[in-house]
Each structure stands twice: as C-alpha cells, then as structure tokens.
C-alpha cells in the first residue's frame, strides 16, 4: 500500500505503517522512515510533522528534532488558514513532546 501509485492509498498506507511501528509494534527506525517520508512529502501537514518530531525525540536525534520543531512552529504561526485556537492547539501538542522528554 505504501508503494501504491494511488496518492491517497500511498499516503494513508505510509501513515498507518508509521502509527503501527510507533505505537503497536514498536520499531522506531521503521516509524522514522515513514514519518520522514510523510513530513517531507506533505510539509504543510502539521500532524505528520508532529509525529516526525515525536519519533526523532524518542530516537534521541535532538539536533534533527530541534530543526523540525523550529519549522513546525514557523508553519503554525505563518499558516493563514489556522484560527487562533487551532494555532494554540498545535503549539500545545508540541509542548507535550517537551514534557514527555523531561
């Protein structure tokens, strides 16, 4: 499914493989592969970026995570489609990542 020529099937396949390897059959290296693909293919998708940050932090790839965090914050703040409440929600998601690490 993740290699499908159908864009929706490919995207959803990669998303669910990322979730499976992150949450159900923990294999962070495989989860990272899918989260990286998704966040690079869809850089405006904040959920994909969020998972990429979470996985990088769990892998202790702090310098990469820091870069992703800065891009994520910029994407949230500069997205004209997000309401103030939506911006707040996405920034609070990021705060949870920091609290989990501590």
N, C-alpha and C. Protein backbone atom coordinates (compact mmCIF):
# COMPACT_ATOMS: atom_id res chain seq x y z
N UNK A 1 0.82 -1.21 0.00
CA UNK A 1 0.00 0.00 0.00
C UNK A 1 0.85 1.25 0.00
N UNK A 2 1.99 1.23 0.72
CA UNK A 2 2.81 2.44 0.78
C UNK A 2 3.54 2.70 -0.53
N UNK A 3 3.58 1.70 -1.42
CA UNK A 3 4.21 1.88 -2.73
C UNK A 3 3.19 2.06 -3.85
N UNK A 4 1.93 2.17 -3.50
CA UNK A 4 0.86 2.30 -4.48
C UNK A 4 1.03 3.56 -5.31
N UNK A 5 0.59 3.48 -6.56
CA UNK A 5 0.63 4.66 -7.44
C UNK A 5 -0.56 5.59 -7.14
N UNK A 6 -1.53 5.10 -6.39
CA UNK A 6 -2.66 5.93 -5.97
C UNK A 6 -2.20 6.79 -4.80
N UNK A 7 -2.25 8.10 -4.94
CA UNK A 7 -1.72 9.02 -3.94
C UNK A 7 -2.36 8.83 -2.58
N UNK A 8 -3.67 8.72 -2.54
CA UNK A 8 -4.36 8.59 -1.26
C UNK A 8 -4.00 7.28 -0.59
N UNK A 9 -3.98 6.19 -1.34
CA UNK A 9 -3.63 4.88 -0.79
C UNK A 9 -2.20 4.89 -0.28
N UNK A 10 -1.30 5.47 -1.05
CA UNK A 10 0.11 5.56 -0.65
C UNK A 10 0.27 6.37 0.63
N UNK A 11 -0.37 7.52 0.69
CA UNK A 11 -0.27 8.39 1.86
C UNK A 11 -0.85 7.71 3.09
N UNK A 12 -2.05 7.17 2.96
CA UNK A 12 -2.69 6.50 4.10
C UNK A 12 -1.88 5.27 4.52
N UNK A 13 -1.35 4.54 3.55
CA UNK A 13 -0.53 3.37 3.87
C UNK A 13 0.69 3.76 4.68
N UNK A 14 1.37 4.81 4.25
CA UNK A 14 2.55 5.30 4.99
C UNK A 14 2.18 5.79 6.38
N UNK A 15 1.04 6.48 6.49
CA UNK A 15 0.60 6.98 7.79
C UNK A 15 0.34 5.81 8.75
N UNK A 16 -0.40 4.81 8.28
CA UNK A 16 -0.73 3.71 9.18
C UNK A 16 0.49 2.85 9.50
N UNK A 17 1.42 2.70 8.56
CA UNK A 17 2.66 1.99 8.87
C UNK A 17 3.46 2.75 9.93
N UNK A 18 3.50 4.07 9.80
CA UNK A 18 4.18 4.87 10.81
C UNK A 18 3.54 4.66 12.19
N UNK A 19 2.21 4.73 12.24
CA UNK A 19 1.50 4.55 13.51
C UNK A 19 1.71 3.14 14.07
N UNK A 20 1.69 2.15 13.24
CA UNK A 20 1.89 0.77 13.68
C UNK A 20 3.28 0.61 14.29
N UNK A 21 4.30 1.09 13.57
CA UNK A 21 5.67 0.92 14.06
C UNK A 21 5.99 1.86 15.22
N UNK A 22 5.21 2.88 15.41
CA UNK A 22 5.42 3.78 16.55
C UNK A 22 4.66 3.28 17.78
N UNK A 23 3.40 2.88 17.59
CA UNK A 23 2.54 2.61 18.74
C UNK A 23 2.29 1.13 19.04
N UNK A 24 2.16 0.30 18.02
CA UNK A 24 1.69 -1.07 18.26
C UNK A 24 2.78 -2.13 18.18
N UNK A 25 3.68 -2.00 17.26
CA UNK A 25 4.81 -2.92 17.14
C UNK A 25 6.07 -2.06 17.14
N UNK A 26 6.42 -1.54 18.30
CA UNK A 26 7.48 -0.52 18.36
C UNK A 26 8.77 -0.89 17.61
N UNK A 27 9.01 -0.10 16.58
CA UNK A 27 10.24 -0.16 15.81
C UNK A 27 10.47 1.27 15.33
N UNK A 28 11.16 2.04 16.17
CA UNK A 28 11.28 3.48 15.90
C UNK A 28 12.03 3.79 14.62
N UNK A 29 12.96 2.94 14.22
CA UNK A 29 13.68 3.18 12.97
C UNK A 29 12.72 3.09 11.78
N UNK A 30 11.84 2.09 11.80
CA UNK A 30 10.85 1.98 10.72
C UNK A 30 9.83 3.11 10.81
N UNK A 31 9.40 3.45 12.00
CA UNK A 31 8.45 4.56 12.17
C UNK A 31 9.06 5.85 11.63
N UNK A 32 10.34 6.05 11.89
CA UNK A 32 11.02 7.26 11.40
C UNK A 32 11.02 7.31 9.89
N UNK A 33 11.26 6.19 9.25
CA UNK A 33 11.27 6.13 7.78
C UNK A 33 9.95 6.67 7.22
N UNK A 34 8.83 6.22 7.80
CA UNK A 34 7.53 6.65 7.30
C UNK A 34 7.20 8.08 7.70
N UNK A 35 7.56 8.47 8.92
CA UNK A 35 7.27 9.85 9.35
C UNK A 35 8.08 10.85 8.53
N UNK A 36 9.30 10.50 8.20
CA UNK A 36 10.14 11.38 7.39
C UNK A 36 9.56 11.53 5.99
N UNK A 37 9.17 10.40 5.40
CA UNK A 37 8.56 10.45 4.07
C UNK A 37 7.33 11.36 4.08
N UNK A 38 6.45 11.16 5.06
CA UNK A 38 5.22 11.94 5.14
C UNK A 38 5.49 13.42 5.37
N UNK A 39 6.39 13.73 6.30
CA UNK A 39 6.65 15.15 6.61
C UNK A 39 7.38 15.85 5.47
N UNK A 40 8.17 15.12 4.70
CA UNK A 40 8.84 15.74 3.55
C UNK A 40 7.91 15.87 2.35
N UNK A 41 7.03 14.88 2.19
CA UNK A 41 6.10 14.91 1.06
C UNK A 41 4.98 15.94 1.29
N UNK A 42 4.57 16.07 2.54
CA UNK A 42 3.48 16.98 2.90
C UNK A 42 3.95 17.92 4.02
N UNK A 43 4.86 18.85 3.71
CA UNK A 43 5.44 19.69 4.77
C UNK A 43 4.43 20.60 5.47
N UNK A 44 3.29 20.85 4.85
CA UNK A 44 2.28 21.70 5.49
C UNK A 44 1.35 20.90 6.41
N UNK A 45 1.49 19.58 6.43
CA UNK A 45 0.64 18.76 7.28
C UNK A 45 1.25 18.70 8.68
N UNK A 46 0.64 19.41 9.60
CA UNK A 46 1.20 19.54 10.94
C UNK A 46 1.16 18.24 11.74
N UNK A 47 0.22 17.38 11.47
CA UNK A 47 0.16 16.10 12.17
C UNK A 47 1.34 15.23 11.77
N UNK A 48 1.66 15.18 10.48
CA UNK A 48 2.83 14.40 10.04
C UNK A 48 4.11 14.97 10.64
N UNK A 49 4.20 16.29 10.66
CA UNK A 49 5.39 16.93 11.24
C UNK A 49 5.49 16.63 12.73
N UNK A 50 4.35 16.67 13.42
CA UNK A 50 4.32 16.38 14.85
C UNK A 50 4.85 14.98 15.12
N UNK A 51 4.35 14.00 14.41
CA UNK A 51 4.83 12.63 14.63
C UNK A 51 6.31 12.50 14.30
N UNK A 52 6.76 13.19 13.28
CA UNK A 52 8.19 13.14 12.95
C UNK A 52 9.01 13.68 14.12
N UNK A 53 8.57 14.76 14.74
CA UNK A 53 9.27 15.33 15.90
C UNK A 53 9.27 14.35 17.07
N UNK A 54 8.11 13.78 17.35
CA UNK A 54 8.00 12.83 18.48
C UNK A 54 8.95 11.65 18.28
N UNK A 55 8.97 11.12 17.08
CA UNK A 55 9.82 9.96 16.79
C UNK A 55 11.30 10.34 16.86
N UNK A 56 11.66 11.49 16.31
CA UNK A 56 13.06 11.94 16.40
C UNK A 56 13.49 12.11 17.85
N UNK A 57 12.61 12.67 18.67
CA UNK A 57 12.93 12.85 20.10
C UNK A 57 13.13 11.50 20.78
N UNK A 58 12.27 10.54 20.49
CA UNK A 58 12.39 9.21 21.10
C UNK A 58 13.68 8.51 20.67
N UNK A 59 14.15 8.82 19.47
CA UNK A 59 15.40 8.25 18.96
C UNK A 59 16.62 9.05 19.43
N UNK A 60 16.38 10.07 20.26
CA UNK A 60 17.44 10.96 20.75
C UNK A 60 18.20 11.66 19.63
N UNK A 61 17.49 11.96 18.56
CA UNK A 61 18.06 12.73 17.45
C UNK A 61 17.69 14.19 17.68
N UNK A 62 18.28 14.74 18.74
CA UNK A 62 17.88 16.05 19.22
C UNK A 62 18.15 17.19 18.25
N UNK A 63 19.26 17.15 17.52
CA UNK A 63 19.54 18.26 16.60
C UNK A 63 18.56 18.25 15.44
N UNK A 64 18.21 17.07 14.94
CA UNK A 64 17.21 16.98 13.88
C UNK A 64 15.84 17.40 14.42
N UNK A 65 15.52 16.96 15.62
CA UNK A 65 14.24 17.32 16.22
C UNK A 65 14.14 18.82 16.40
N UNK A 66 15.24 19.44 16.83
CA UNK A 66 15.23 20.89 17.03
C UNK A 66 14.93 21.63 15.73
N UNK A 67 15.54 21.18 14.64
CA UNK A 67 15.26 21.81 13.34
C UNK A 67 13.80 21.63 12.95
N UNK A 68 13.29 20.43 13.16
CA UNK A 68 11.89 20.16 12.84
C UNK A 68 10.95 21.00 13.70
N UNK A 69 11.30 21.16 14.96
CA UNK A 69 10.48 21.96 15.87
C UNK A 69 10.40 23.41 15.39
N UNK A 70 11.53 23.96 14.99
CA UNK A 70 11.55 25.34 14.50
C UNK A 70 10.69 25.49 13.24
N UNK A 71 10.78 24.51 12.35
CA UNK A 71 9.95 24.56 11.13
C UNK A 71 8.47 24.40 11.47
N UNK A 72 8.19 23.52 12.42
CA UNK A 72 6.81 23.28 12.85
C UNK A 72 6.21 24.57 13.42
N UNK A 73 6.93 25.22 14.31
CA UNK A 73 6.45 26.47 14.92
C UNK A 73 6.21 27.53 13.85
N UNK A 74 7.15 27.64 12.94
CA UNK A 74 7.01 28.60 11.84
C UNK A 74 5.76 28.28 11.01
N UNK A 75 5.56 27.00 10.71
CA UNK A 75 4.40 26.58 9.93
C UNK A 75 3.09 26.91 10.64
N UNK A 76 3.07 26.71 11.95
CA UNK A 76 1.86 27.01 12.72
C UNK A 76 1.59 28.52 12.71
N UNK A 77 2.60 29.29 13.00
CA UNK A 77 2.42 30.74 13.14
C UNK A 77 2.15 31.44 11.81
N UNK A 78 2.69 30.89 10.72
CA UNK A 78 2.56 31.57 9.43
C UNK A 78 1.44 31.02 8.56
N UNK A 79 0.68 30.08 9.09
CA UNK A 79 -0.39 29.48 8.29
C UNK A 79 -1.66 30.33 8.42
N UNK A 80 -2.02 31.02 7.33
CA UNK A 80 -3.19 31.90 7.39
C UNK A 80 -4.52 31.14 7.50
N UNK A 81 -4.49 29.84 7.25
CA UNK A 81 -5.72 29.05 7.31
C UNK A 81 -6.09 28.63 8.73
N UNK A 82 -5.14 28.73 9.65
CA UNK A 82 -5.40 28.31 11.02
C UNK A 82 -5.99 29.44 11.84
N UNK A 83 -7.01 29.11 12.61
CA UNK A 83 -7.56 30.10 13.54
C UNK A 83 -6.61 30.21 14.73
N UNK A 84 -6.85 31.17 15.57
CA UNK A 84 -6.04 31.33 16.78
C UNK A 84 -6.14 30.09 17.66
N UNK A 85 -7.32 29.54 17.79
CA UNK A 85 -7.49 28.33 18.60
C UNK A 85 -6.76 27.14 18.01
N UNK A 86 -6.77 27.02 16.69
CA UNK A 86 -6.05 25.92 16.05
C UNK A 86 -4.54 26.08 16.24
N UNK A 87 -4.05 27.31 16.10
CA UNK A 87 -2.63 27.56 16.35
C UNK A 87 -2.26 27.16 17.77
N UNK A 88 -3.09 27.56 18.71
CA UNK A 88 -2.87 27.23 20.12
C UNK A 88 -2.83 25.71 20.30
N UNK A 89 -3.75 24.99 19.69
CA UNK A 89 -3.80 23.54 19.79
C UNK A 89 -2.49 22.91 19.30
N UNK A 90 -2.04 23.30 18.12
CA UNK A 90 -0.83 22.70 17.56
C UNK A 90 0.41 23.05 18.37
N UNK A 91 0.46 24.24 18.91
CA UNK A 91 1.60 24.60 19.76
C UNK A 91 1.56 23.85 21.08
N UNK A 92 0.36 23.60 21.61
CA UNK A 92 0.24 22.82 22.85
C UNK A 92 0.64 21.35 22.62
N UNK A 93 0.36 20.83 21.43
CA UNK A 93 0.81 19.47 21.09
C UNK A 93 2.33 19.38 21.22
N UNK A 94 2.98 20.40 20.72
CA UNK A 94 4.44 20.44 20.77
C UNK A 94 4.95 20.52 22.20
N UNK A 95 4.26 21.27 23.05
CA UNK A 95 4.65 21.37 24.46
C UNK A 95 4.59 20.00 25.14
N UNK A 96 3.64 19.18 24.75
CA UNK A 96 3.52 17.83 25.31
C UNK A 96 4.76 16.99 25.02
N UNK A 97 5.35 17.19 23.85
CA UNK A 97 6.56 16.45 23.49
C UNK A 97 7.68 16.82 24.46
N UNK A 98 7.80 18.10 24.78
CA UNK A 98 8.84 18.55 25.70
C UNK A 98 8.61 17.99 27.11
N UNK A 99 7.36 17.96 27.53
CA UNK A 99 7.04 17.46 28.88
C UNK A 99 7.30 15.96 28.99
N UNK A 100 7.05 15.20 27.92
CA UNK A 100 7.29 13.76 27.94
C UNK A 100 8.78 13.45 28.06
N UNK A 101 9.60 14.29 27.47
CA UNK A 101 11.04 14.06 27.45
C UNK A 101 11.65 14.28 28.83
N UNK A 102 11.07 15.18 29.61
CA UNK A 102 11.63 15.55 30.92
C UNK A 102 11.39 14.51 31.97
